[in-house]
Amino acid sequence: MSTFRQIYYQIVFSTKHRKPVLVEAHEDQLYKYIWGIVKNKNCRLYRINGMPDHIHLFVDLHPSMSLSNFVKDIKIASNSWIKQSGLFPDFEEWKVVTERLHILKKIKMP
């Protein structure tokens, strides 16, 4: 008998001091970059969206991935990309505001 599990997380990354530095004109490029990170970690991104001072990710993590490592990896990689791209010149760094468990499903499969 095998077990199927699915845990959804909502993760919110806020800009330092909630400064509105994520300009709408370039947000799609940022979202695509983060989606690539999620995909490379064998995780699933269901939704990404945001405002000038924060972004929301709604994800399901691969069973081998810890939430803390997932958040750390996205934070480090996207922070570096944002600074190197020059698309968000006033961006300083991320602050993770919340990591919430939303739904837990555990189903035993025959």
PDB file of N, CA and C in Angstrom:
ATOM      1  N   MET A   1       0.844  -1.173   0.000  1.00  0.00           N
ATOM      2  CA  MET A   1       0.000   0.000   0.000  1.00  0.00           C
ATOM      3  C   MET A   1       0.900   1.251   0.000  1.00  0.00           C
ATOM      4  N   SER A   2       0.616   2.200  -0.865  1.00  0.00           N
ATOM      5  CA  SER A   2       1.393   3.437  -0.923  1.00  0.00           C
ATOM      6  C   SER A   2       0.573   4.603  -0.380  1.00  0.00           C
ATOM      7  N   THR A   3       1.260   5.666  -0.058  1.00  0.00           N
ATOM      8  CA  THR A   3       0.602   6.843   0.490  1.00  0.00           C
ATOM      9  C   THR A   3       0.858   8.025  -0.422  1.00  0.00           C
ATOM     10  N   PHE A   4      -0.189   8.756  -0.706  1.00  0.00           N
ATOM     11  CA  PHE A   4      -0.090   9.979  -1.498  1.00  0.00           C
ATOM     12  C   PHE A   4      -0.209  11.140  -0.534  1.00  0.00           C
ATOM     13  N   ARG A   5       0.665  12.105  -0.649  1.00  0.00           N
ATOM     14  CA  ARG A   5       0.584  13.265   0.221  1.00  0.00           C
ATOM     15  C   ARG A   5       0.710  14.527  -0.614  1.00  0.00           C
ATOM     16  N   GLN A   6       0.023  15.532  -0.189  1.00  0.00           N
ATOM     17  CA  GLN A   6       0.137  16.826  -0.847  1.00  0.00           C
ATOM     18  C   GLN A   6      -0.041  17.901   0.218  1.00  0.00           C
ATOM     19  N   ILE A   7       0.968  18.749   0.339  1.00  0.00           N
ATOM     20  CA  ILE A   7       0.934  19.830   1.316  1.00  0.00           C
ATOM     21  C   ILE A   7       1.122  21.135   0.553  1.00  0.00           C
ATOM     22  N   TYR A   8       0.209  22.037   0.720  1.00  0.00           N
ATOM     23  CA  TYR A   8       0.293  23.328   0.046  1.00  0.00           C
ATOM     24  C   TYR A   8       0.812  24.384   1.026  1.00  0.00           C
ATOM     25  N   TYR A   9       1.725  25.201   0.551  1.00  0.00           N
ATOM     26  CA  TYR A   9       2.262  26.285   1.356  1.00  0.00           C
ATOM     27  C   TYR A   9       2.024  27.612   0.660  1.00  0.00           C
ATOM     28  N   GLN A  10       1.690  28.612   1.435  1.00  0.00           N
ATOM     29  CA  GLN A  10       1.688  29.980   0.944  1.00  0.00           C
ATOM     30  C   GLN A  10       2.899  30.646   1.579  1.00  0.00           C
ATOM     31  N   ILE A  11       3.779  31.162   0.732  1.00  0.00           N
ATOM     32  CA  ILE A  11       4.988  31.816   1.216  1.00  0.00           C
ATOM     33  C   ILE A  11       4.960  33.253   0.713  1.00  0.00           C
ATOM     34  N   VAL A  12       5.185  34.181   1.617  1.00  0.00           N
ATOM     35  CA  VAL A  12       5.171  35.600   1.259  1.00  0.00           C
ATOM     36  C   VAL A  12       6.566  36.166   1.495  1.00  0.00           C
ATOM     37  N   PHE A  13       7.128  36.719   0.436  1.00  0.00           N
ATOM     38  CA  PHE A  13       8.410  37.418   0.518  1.00  0.00           C
ATOM     39  C   PHE A  13       8.117  38.906   0.466  1.00  0.00           C
ATOM     40  N   SER A  14       8.609  39.629   1.443  1.00  0.00           N
ATOM     41  CA  SER A  14       8.428  41.075   1.504  1.00  0.00           C
ATOM     42  C   SER A  14       9.759  41.748   1.222  1.00  0.00           C
ATOM     43  N   THR A  15       9.698  42.919   0.610  1.00  0.00           N
ATOM     44  CA  THR A  15      10.918  43.697   0.422  1.00  0.00           C
ATOM     45  C   THR A  15      11.327  44.286   1.776  1.00  0.00           C
ATOM     46  N   LYS A  16      12.610  44.609   1.900  1.00  0.00           N
ATOM     47  CA  LYS A  16      13.109  45.187   3.147  1.00  0.00           C
ATOM     48  C   LYS A  16      12.340  46.468   3.465  1.00  0.00           C
ATOM     49  N   HIS A  17      11.854  46.557   4.678  1.00  0.00           N
ATOM     50  CA  HIS A  17      11.067  47.694   5.171  1.00  0.00           C
ATOM     51  C   HIS A  17       9.792  47.922   4.351  1.00  0.00           C
ATOM     52  N   ARG A  18       9.356  46.869   3.653  1.00  0.00           N
ATOM     53  CA  ARG A  18       8.137  46.932   2.815  1.00  0.00           C
ATOM     54  C   ARG A  18       8.192  48.091   1.804  1.00  0.00           C
ATOM     55  N   LYS A  19       9.371  48.378   1.291  1.00  0.00           N
ATOM     56  CA  LYS A  19       9.508  49.425   0.282  1.00  0.00           C
ATOM     57  C   LYS A  19       8.892  48.954  -1.028  1.00  0.00           C
ATOM     58  N   PRO A  20       8.103  49.791  -1.699  1.00  0.00           N
ATOM     59  CA  PRO A  20       7.454  49.406  -2.959  1.00  0.00           C
ATOM     60  C   PRO A  20       8.420  49.509  -4.149  1.00  0.00           C
ATOM     61  N   VAL A  21       9.318  48.544  -4.266  1.00  0.00           N
ATOM     62  CA  VAL A  21      10.375  48.607  -5.280  1.00  0.00           C
ATOM     63  C   VAL A  21      10.207  47.595  -6.424  1.00  0.00           C
ATOM     64  N   LEU A  22       9.219  46.725  -6.330  1.00  0.00           N
ATOM     65  CA  LEU A  22       9.005  45.727  -7.383  1.00  0.00           C
ATOM     66  C   LEU A  22       8.094  46.328  -8.454  1.00  0.00           C
ATOM     67  N   VAL A  23       8.715  46.903  -9.461  1.00  0.00           N
ATOM     68  CA  VAL A  23       7.950  47.620 -10.488  1.00  0.00           C
ATOM     69  C   VAL A  23       7.193  46.639 -11.379  1.00  0.00           C
ATOM     70  N   GLU A  24       5.967  46.998 -11.672  1.00  0.00           N
ATOM     71  CA  GLU A  24       5.067  46.133 -12.426  1.00  0.00           C
ATOM     72  C   GLU A  24       5.605  45.782 -13.809  1.00  0.00           C
ATOM     73  N   ALA A  25       6.326  46.683 -14.417  1.00  0.00           N
ATOM     74  CA  ALA A  25       6.833  46.466 -15.776  1.00  0.00           C
ATOM     75  C   ALA A  25       7.758  45.252 -15.877  1.00  0.00           C
ATOM     76  N   HIS A  26       8.391  44.859 -14.772  1.00  0.00           N
ATOM     77  CA  HIS A  26       9.347  43.749 -14.800  1.00  0.00           C
ATOM     78  C   HIS A  26       8.949  42.568 -13.930  1.00  0.00           C
ATOM     79  N   GLU A  27       7.766  42.621 -13.340  1.00  0.00           N
ATOM     80  CA  GLU A  27       7.390  41.549 -12.412  1.00  0.00           C
ATOM     81  C   GLU A  27       7.294  40.192 -13.100  1.00  0.00           C
ATOM     82  N   ASP A  28       6.850  40.150 -14.363  1.00  0.00           N
ATOM     83  CA  ASP A  28       6.749  38.863 -15.058  1.00  0.00           C
ATOM     84  C   ASP A  28       8.103  38.171 -15.172  1.00  0.00           C
ATOM     85  N   GLN A  29       9.155  38.931 -15.403  1.00  0.00           N
ATOM     86  CA  GLN A  29      10.493  38.348 -15.493  1.00  0.00           C
ATOM     87  C   GLN A  29      10.920  37.769 -14.146  1.00  0.00           C
ATOM     88  N   LEU A  30      10.611  38.476 -13.073  1.00  0.00           N
ATOM     89  CA  LEU A  30      10.909  37.980 -11.732  1.00  0.00           C
ATOM     90  C   LEU A  30      10.128  36.701 -11.451  1.00  0.00           C
ATOM     91  N   TYR A  31       8.850  36.683 -11.783  1.00  0.00           N
ATOM     92  CA  TYR A  31       8.017  35.507 -11.537  1.00  0.00           C
ATOM     93  C   TYR A  31       8.517  34.304 -12.331  1.00  0.00           C
ATOM     94  N   LYS A  32       8.914  34.516 -13.578  1.00  0.00           N
ATOM     95  CA  LYS A  32       9.440  33.416 -14.395  1.00  0.00           C
ATOM     96  C   LYS A  32      10.746  32.881 -13.816  1.00  0.00           C
ATOM     97  N   TYR A  33      11.576  33.759 -13.313  1.00  0.00           N
ATOM     98  CA  TYR A  33      12.832  33.324 -12.703  1.00  0.00           C
ATOM     99  C   TYR A  33      12.553  32.455 -11.471  1.00  0.00           C
ATOM    100  N   ILE A  34      11.655  32.907 -10.617  1.00  0.00           N
ATOM    101  CA  ILE A  34      11.311  32.142  -9.415  1.00  0.00           C
ATOM    102  C   ILE A  34      10.651  30.818  -9.790  1.00  0.00           C
ATOM    103  N   TRP A  35       9.799  30.829 -10.815  1.00  0.00           N
ATOM    104  CA  TRP A  35       9.165  29.592 -11.284  1.00  0.00           C
ATOM    105  C   TRP A  35      10.239  28.584 -11.695  1.00  0.00           C
ATOM    106  N   GLY A  36      11.300  29.059 -12.350  1.00  0.00           N
ATOM    107  CA  GLY A  36      12.397  28.178 -12.741  1.00  0.00           C
ATOM    108  C   GLY A  36      13.094  27.562 -11.553  1.00  0.00           C
ATOM    109  N   ILE A  37      13.278  28.338 -10.502  1.00  0.00           N
ATOM    110  CA  ILE A  37      13.895  27.806  -9.275  1.00  0.00           C
ATOM    111  C   ILE A  37      13.016  26.695  -8.700  1.00  0.00           C
ATOM    112  N   VAL A  38      11.736  26.962  -8.602  1.00  0.00           N
ATOM    113  CA  VAL A  38      10.787  25.989  -8.044  1.00  0.00           C
ATOM    114  C   VAL A  38      10.808  24.704  -8.871  1.00  0.00           C
ATOM    115  N   LYS A  39      10.766  24.851 -10.186  1.00  0.00           N
ATOM    116  CA  LYS A  39      10.757  23.698 -11.085  1.00  0.00           C
ATOM    117  C   LYS A  39      12.040  22.879 -10.939  1.00  0.00           C
ATOM    118  N   ASN A  40      13.189  23.543 -10.845  1.00  0.00           N
ATOM    119  CA  ASN A  40      14.463  22.840 -10.696  1.00  0.00           C
ATOM    120  C   ASN A  40      14.579  22.090  -9.378  1.00  0.00           C
ATOM    121  N   LYS A  41      13.775  22.445  -8.409  1.00  0.00           N
ATOM    122  CA  LYS A  41      13.775  21.765  -7.112  1.00  0.00           C
ATOM    123  C   LYS A  41      12.729  20.648  -7.074  1.00  0.00           C
ATOM    124  N   ASN A  42      12.129  20.338  -8.230  1.00  0.00           N
ATOM    125  CA  ASN A  42      11.091  19.309  -8.344  1.00  0.00           C
ATOM    126  C   ASN A  42       9.886  19.613  -7.470  1.00  0.00           C
ATOM    127  N   CYS A  43       9.606  20.895  -7.306  1.00  0.00           N
ATOM    128  CA  CYS A  43       8.432  21.335  -6.561  1.00  0.00           C
ATOM    129  C   CYS A  43       7.426  21.891  -7.564  1.00  0.00           C
ATOM    130  N   ARG A  44       6.252  22.214  -7.088  1.00  0.00           N
ATOM    131  CA  ARG A  44       5.206  22.687  -7.993  1.00  0.00           C
ATOM    132  C   ARG A  44       4.709  24.051  -7.556  1.00  0.00           C
ATOM    133  N   LEU A  45       4.755  24.990  -8.481  1.00  0.00           N
ATOM    134  CA  LEU A  45       4.246  26.336  -8.246  1.00  0.00           C
ATOM    135  C   LEU A  45       2.845  26.427  -8.835  1.00  0.00           C
ATOM    136  N   TYR A  46       1.865  26.652  -7.983  1.00  0.00           N
ATOM    137  CA  TYR A  46       0.484  26.770  -8.450  1.00  0.00           C
ATOM    138  C   TYR A  46       0.121  28.210  -8.774  1.00  0.00           C
ATOM    139  N   ARG A  47       0.699  29.133  -8.029  1.00  0.00           N
ATOM    140  CA  ARG A  47       0.368  30.545  -8.246  1.00  0.00           C
ATOM    141  C   ARG A  47       1.499  31.405  -7.709  1.00  0.00           C
ATOM    142  N   ILE A  48       1.791  32.477  -8.454  1.00  0.00           N
ATOM    143  CA  ILE A  48       2.721  33.498  -7.977  1.00  0.00           C
ATOM    144  C   ILE A  48       2.120  34.839  -8.370  1.00  0.00           C
ATOM    145  N   ASN A  49       2.145  35.771  -7.442  1.00  0.00           N
ATOM    146  CA  ASN A  49       1.582  37.090  -7.690  1.00  0.00           C
ATOM    147  C   ASN A  49       2.147  38.035  -6.642  1.00  0.00           C
ATOM    148  N   GLY A  50       1.906  39.295  -6.814  1.00  0.00           N
ATOM    149  CA  GLY A  50       2.437  40.208  -5.826  1.00  0.00           C
ATOM    150  C   GLY A  50       1.996  41.638  -5.993  1.00  0.00           C
ATOM    151  N   MET A  51       2.615  42.451  -5.178  1.00  0.00           N
ATOM    152  CA  MET A  51       2.411  43.897  -5.149  1.00  0.00           C
ATOM    153  C   MET A  51       3.797  44.524  -5.169  1.00  0.00           C
ATOM    154  N   PRO A  52       3.899  45.842  -5.246  1.00  0.00           N
ATOM    155  CA  PRO A  52       5.222  46.472  -5.291  1.00  0.00           C
ATOM    156  C   PRO A  52       6.106  46.190  -4.067  1.00  0.00           C
ATOM    157  N   ASP A  53       5.520  45.745  -2.946  1.00  0.00           N
ATOM    158  CA  ASP A  53       6.324  45.518  -1.747  1.00  0.00           C
ATOM    159  C   ASP A  53       6.367  44.067  -1.266  1.00  0.00           C
ATOM    160  N   HIS A  54       5.750  43.141  -2.002  1.00  0.00           N
ATOM    161  CA  HIS A  54       5.794  41.740  -1.604  1.00  0.00           C
ATOM    162  C   HIS A  54       5.304  40.835  -2.732  1.00  0.00           C
ATOM    163  N   ILE A  55       5.657  39.539  -2.622  1.00  0.00           N
ATOM    164  CA  ILE A  55       5.133  38.539  -3.555  1.00  0.00           C
ATOM    165  C   ILE A  55       4.622  37.339  -2.767  1.00  0.00           C
ATOM    166  N   HIS A  56       3.649  36.645  -3.362  1.00  0.00           N
ATOM    167  CA  HIS A  56       3.062  35.441  -2.783  1.00  0.00           C
ATOM    168  C   HIS A  56       3.391  34.261  -3.684  1.00  0.00           C
ATOM    169  N   LEU A  57       3.774  33.147  -3.088  1.00  0.00           N
ATOM    170  CA  LEU A  57       3.938  31.889  -3.798  1.00  0.00           C
ATOM    171  C   LEU A  57       3.015  30.876  -3.156  1.00  0.00           C
ATOM    172  N   PHE A  58       2.303  30.125  -3.978  1.00  0.00           N
ATOM    173  CA  PHE A  58       1.469  29.030  -3.494  1.00  0.00           C
ATOM    174  C   PHE A  58       2.060  27.765  -4.110  1.00  0.00           C
ATOM    175  N   VAL A  59       2.655  26.918  -3.281  1.00  0.00           N
ATOM    176  CA  VAL A  59       3.462  25.809  -3.775  1.00  0.00           C
ATOM    177  C   VAL A  59       3.177  24.499  -3.051  1.00  0.00           C
ATOM    178  N   ASP A  60       3.607  23.429  -3.709  1.00  0.00           N
ATOM    179  CA  ASP A  60       3.654  22.095  -3.106  1.00  0.00           C
ATOM    180  C   ASP A  60       5.104  21.650  -3.215  1.00  0.00           C
ATOM    181  N   LEU A  61       5.716  21.287  -2.113  1.00  0.00           N
ATOM    182  CA  LEU A  61       7.118  20.900  -2.104  1.00  0.00           C
ATOM    183  C   LEU A  61       7.297  19.412  -2.365  1.00  0.00           C
ATOM    184  N   HIS A  62       8.389  19.085  -3.016  1.00  0.00           N
ATOM    185  CA  HIS A  62       8.757  17.684  -3.186  1.00  0.00           C
ATOM    186  C   HIS A  62       8.998  17.102  -1.788  1.00  0.00           C
ATOM    187  N   PRO A  63       8.652  15.841  -1.558  1.00  0.00           N
ATOM    188  CA  PRO A  63       8.811  15.260  -0.220  1.00  0.00           C
ATOM    189  C   PRO A  63      10.231  15.338   0.342  1.00  0.00           C
ATOM    190  N   SER A  64      11.234  15.403  -0.522  1.00  0.00           N
ATOM    191  CA  SER A  64      12.614  15.467  -0.032  1.00  0.00           C
ATOM    192  C   SER A  64      13.066  16.891   0.307  1.00  0.00           C
ATOM    193  N   MET A  65      12.237  17.878   0.037  1.00  0.00           N
ATOM    194  CA  MET A  65      12.606  19.287   0.224  1.00  0.00           C
ATOM    195  C   MET A  65      12.008  19.818   1.522  1.00  0.00           C
ATOM    196  N   SER A  66      12.861  20.380   2.368  1.00  0.00           N
ATOM    197  CA  SER A  66      12.343  21.007   3.587  1.00  0.00           C
ATOM    198  C   SER A  66      11.887  22.423   3.265  1.00  0.00           C
ATOM    199  N   LEU A  67      10.907  22.896   3.987  1.00  0.00           N
ATOM    200  CA  LEU A  67      10.389  24.239   3.762  1.00  0.00           C
ATOM    201  C   LEU A  67      11.479  25.285   3.993  1.00  0.00           C
ATOM    202  N   SER A  68      12.262  25.120   5.038  1.00  0.00           N
ATOM    203  CA  SER A  68      13.287  26.118   5.339  1.00  0.00           C
ATOM    204  C   SER A  68      14.339  26.202   4.237  1.00  0.00           C
ATOM    205  N   ASN A  69      14.777  25.060   3.695  1.00  0.00           N
ATOM    206  CA  ASN A  69      15.747  25.079   2.597  1.00  0.00           C
ATOM    207  C   ASN A  69      15.145  25.654   1.322  1.00  0.00           C
ATOM    208  N   PHE A  70      13.894  25.329   1.066  1.00  0.00           N
ATOM    209  CA  PHE A  70      13.202  25.855  -0.119  1.00  0.00           C
ATOM    210  C   PHE A  70      13.145  27.384  -0.067  1.00  0.00           C
ATOM    211  N   VAL A  71      12.716  27.922   1.060  1.00  0.00           N
ATOM    212  CA  VAL A  71      12.613  29.375   1.220  1.00  0.00           C
ATOM    213  C   VAL A  71      13.991  30.017   1.114  1.00  0.00           C
ATOM    214  N   LYS A  72      14.976  29.427   1.778  1.00  0.00           N
ATOM    215  CA  LYS A  72      16.339  29.971   1.744  1.00  0.00           C
ATOM    216  C   LYS A  72      16.878  30.001   0.318  1.00  0.00           C
ATOM    217  N   ASP A  73      16.685  28.914  -0.429  1.00  0.00           N
ATOM    218  CA  ASP A  73      17.200  28.836  -1.797  1.00  0.00           C
ATOM    219  C   ASP A  73      16.545  29.874  -2.715  1.00  0.00           C
ATOM    220  N   ILE A  74      15.239  30.052  -2.596  1.00  0.00           N
ATOM    221  CA  ILE A  74      14.558  31.055  -3.412  1.00  0.00           C
ATOM    222  C   ILE A  74      15.017  32.451  -3.016  1.00  0.00           C
ATOM    223  N   LYS A  75      15.112  32.678  -1.734  1.00  0.00           N
ATOM    224  CA  LYS A  75      15.524  33.991  -1.235  1.00  0.00           C
ATOM    225  C   LYS A  75      16.919  34.364  -1.748  1.00  0.00           C
ATOM    226  N   ILE A  76      17.863  33.460  -1.641  1.00  0.00           N
ATOM    227  CA  ILE A  76      19.241  33.740  -2.063  1.00  0.00           C
ATOM    228  C   ILE A  76      19.332  33.912  -3.572  1.00  0.00           C
ATOM    229  N   ALA A  77      18.778  32.968  -4.320  1.00  0.00           N
ATOM    230  CA  ALA A  77      18.896  33.016  -5.784  1.00  0.00           C
ATOM    231  C   ALA A  77      18.168  34.212  -6.385  1.00  0.00           C
ATOM    232  N   SER A  78      16.939  34.485  -5.927  1.00  0.00           N
ATOM    233  CA  SER A  78      16.185  35.608  -6.509  1.00  0.00           C
ATOM    234  C   SER A  78      16.779  36.944  -6.079  1.00  0.00           C
ATOM    235  N   ASN A  79      17.290  37.015  -4.860  1.00  0.00           N
ATOM    236  CA  ASN A  79      17.960  38.234  -4.393  1.00  0.00           C
ATOM    237  C   ASN A  79      19.139  38.570  -5.311  1.00  0.00           C
ATOM    238  N   SER A  80      19.945  37.568  -5.608  1.00  0.00           N
ATOM    239  CA  SER A  80      21.104  37.747  -6.477  1.00  0.00           C
ATOM    240  C   SER A  80      20.675  38.142  -7.892  1.00  0.00           C
ATOM    241  N   TRP A  81      19.666  37.452  -8.429  1.00  0.00           N
ATOM    242  CA  TRP A  81      19.180  37.741  -9.778  1.00  0.00           C
ATOM    243  C   TRP A  81      18.637  39.167  -9.874  1.00  0.00           C
ATOM    244  N   ILE A  82      17.862  39.581  -8.883  1.00  0.00           N
ATOM    245  CA  ILE A  82      17.283  40.928  -8.896  1.00  0.00           C
ATOM    246  C   ILE A  82      18.388  41.979  -8.948  1.00  0.00           C
ATOM    247  N   LYS A  83      19.398  41.791  -8.136  1.00  0.00           N
ATOM    248  CA  LYS A  83      20.495  42.771  -8.095  1.00  0.00           C
ATOM    249  C   LYS A  83      21.308  42.760  -9.386  1.00  0.00           C
ATOM    250  N   GLN A  84      21.565  41.587  -9.956  1.00  0.00           N
ATOM    251  CA  GLN A  84      22.348  41.491 -11.183  1.00  0.00           C
ATOM    252  C   GLN A  84      21.578  41.989 -12.401  1.00  0.00           C
ATOM    253  N   SER A  85      20.263  41.783 -12.414  1.00  0.00           N
ATOM    254  CA  SER A  85      19.462  42.168 -13.579  1.00  0.00           C
ATOM    255  C   SER A  85      19.329  43.682 -13.721  1.00  0.00           C
ATOM    256  N   GLY A  86      19.338  44.380 -12.596  1.00  0.00           N
ATOM    257  CA  GLY A  86      19.166  45.823 -12.631  1.00  0.00           C
ATOM    258  C   GLY A  86      17.733  46.270 -12.904  1.00  0.00           C
ATOM    259  N   LEU A  87      16.805  45.330 -12.924  1.00  0.00           N
ATOM    260  CA  LEU A  87      15.407  45.663 -13.232  1.00  0.00           C
ATOM    261  C   LEU A  87      14.690  46.347 -12.069  1.00  0.00           C
ATOM    262  N   PHE A  88      15.187  46.127 -10.875  1.00  0.00           N
ATOM    263  CA  PHE A  88      14.580  46.701  -9.673  1.00  0.00           C
ATOM    264  C   PHE A  88      15.686  47.433  -8.895  1.00  0.00           C
ATOM    265  N   PRO A  89      16.096  48.603  -9.375  1.00  0.00           N
ATOM    266  CA  PRO A  89      17.291  49.261  -8.833  1.00  0.00           C
ATOM    267  C   PRO A  89      17.223  49.626  -7.348  1.00  0.00           C
ATOM    268  N   ASP A  90      16.043  49.810  -6.799  1.00  0.00           N
ATOM    269  CA  ASP A  90      15.926  50.195  -5.392  1.00  0.00           C
ATOM    270  C   ASP A  90      15.752  48.997  -4.457  1.00  0.00           C
ATOM    271  N   PHE A  91      15.750  47.798  -5.018  1.00  0.00           N
ATOM    272  CA  PHE A  91      15.614  46.584  -4.201  1.00  0.00           C
ATOM    273  C   PHE A  91      16.855  46.394  -3.345  1.00  0.00           C
ATOM    274  N   GLU A  92      16.646  46.114  -2.050  1.00  0.00           N
ATOM    275  CA  GLU A  92      17.763  45.843  -1.145  1.00  0.00           C
ATOM    276  C   GLU A  92      17.867  44.352  -0.831  1.00  0.00           C
ATOM    277  N   GLU A  93      16.781  43.768  -0.316  1.00  0.00           N
ATOM    278  CA  GLU A  93      16.768  42.350   0.013  1.00  0.00           C
ATOM    279  C   GLU A  93      15.361  41.920   0.387  1.00  0.00           C
ATOM    280  N   TRP A  94      15.187  40.591   0.481  1.00  0.00           N
ATOM    281  CA  TRP A  94      13.913  40.015   0.892  1.00  0.00           C
ATOM    282  C   TRP A  94      13.855  39.852   2.402  1.00  0.00           C
ATOM    283  N   LYS A  95      12.634  39.889   2.873  1.00  0.00           N
ATOM    284  CA  LYS A  95      12.319  39.448   4.219  1.00  0.00           C
ATOM    285  C   LYS A  95      11.153  38.480   4.060  1.00  0.00           C
ATOM    286  N   VAL A  96      11.264  37.276   4.602  1.00  0.00           N
ATOM    287  CA  VAL A  96      10.152  36.334   4.516  1.00  0.00           C
ATOM    288  C   VAL A  96       9.168  36.684   5.612  1.00  0.00           C
ATOM    289  N   VAL A  97       7.975  37.034   5.197  1.00  0.00           N
ATOM    290  CA  VAL A  97       6.952  37.444   6.155  1.00  0.00           C
ATOM    291  C   VAL A  97       6.245  36.228   6.732  1.00  0.00           C
ATOM    292  N   THR A  98       5.781  35.347   5.878  1.00  0.00           N
ATOM    293  CA  THR A  98       5.032  34.189   6.370  1.00  0.00           C
ATOM    294  C   THR A  98       5.341  32.950   5.563  1.00  0.00           C
ATOM    295  N   GLU A  99       5.219  31.832   6.224  1.00  0.00           N
ATOM    296  CA  GLU A  99       5.243  30.516   5.602  1.00  0.00           C
ATOM    297  C   GLU A  99       4.062  29.786   6.221  1.00  0.00           C
ATOM    298  N   ARG A 100       3.030  29.581   5.455  1.00  0.00           N
ATOM    299  CA  ARG A 100       1.820  28.980   6.024  1.00  0.00           C
ATOM    300  C   ARG A 100       1.484  27.655   5.370  1.00  0.00           C
ATOM    301  N   LEU A 101       1.132  26.716   6.190  1.00  0.00           N
ATOM    302  CA  LEU A 101       0.599  25.451   5.713  1.00  0.00           C
ATOM    303  C   LEU A 101      -0.880  25.669   5.457  1.00  0.00           C
ATOM    304  N   HIS A 102      -1.333  25.345   4.252  1.00  0.00           N
ATOM    305  CA  HIS A 102      -2.733  25.580   3.932  1.00  0.00           C
ATOM    306  C   HIS A 102      -3.590  24.324   3.993  1.00  0.00           C
ATOM    307  N   ILE A 103      -3.190  23.320   3.277  1.00  0.00           N
ATOM    308  CA  ILE A 103      -4.042  22.140   3.156  1.00  0.00           C
ATOM    309  C   ILE A 103      -3.158  20.902   3.249  1.00  0.00           C
ATOM    310  N   LEU A 104      -3.598  19.934   3.971  1.00  0.00           N
ATOM    311  CA  LEU A 104      -2.870  18.679   4.039  1.00  0.00           C
ATOM    312  C   LEU A 104      -3.818  17.573   3.643  1.00  0.00           C
ATOM    313  N   LYS A 105      -3.417  16.804   2.647  1.00  0.00           N
ATOM    314  CA  LYS A 105      -4.203  15.653   2.224  1.00  0.00           C
ATOM    315  C   LYS A 105      -3.328  14.424   2.338  1.00  0.00           C
ATOM    316  N   LYS A 106      -3.838  13.411   2.938  1.00  0.00           N
ATOM    317  CA  LYS A 106      -3.110  12.145   3.014  1.00  0.00           C
ATOM    318  C   LYS A 106      -4.087  11.047   2.642  1.00  0.00           C
ATOM    319  N   ILE A 107      -3.779  10.380   1.566  1.00  0.00           N
ATOM    320  CA  ILE A 107      -4.681   9.352   1.047  1.00  0.00           C
ATOM    321  C   ILE A 107      -3.897   8.063   0.903  1.00  0.00           C
ATOM    322  N   LYS A 108      -4.419   6.992   1.442  1.00  0.00           N
ATOM    323  CA  LYS A 108      -3.771   5.689   1.257  1.00  0.00           C
ATOM    324  C   LYS A 108      -4.268   5.086  -0.050  1.00  0.00           C
ATOM    325  N   MET A 109      -3.299   4.706  -0.868  1.00  0.00           N
ATOM    326  CA  MET A 109      -3.623   4.117  -2.163  1.00  0.00           C
ATOM    327  C   MET A 109      -3.474   2.600  -2.048  1.00  0.00           C
ATOM    328  N   PRO A 110      -4.347   1.867  -2.686  1.00  0.00           N
ATOM    329  CA  PRO A 110      -4.236   0.389  -2.641  1.00  0.00           C
ATOM    330  C   PRO A 110      -3.029  -0.105  -3.396  1.00  0.00           C
TER     331      PRO A 110
END
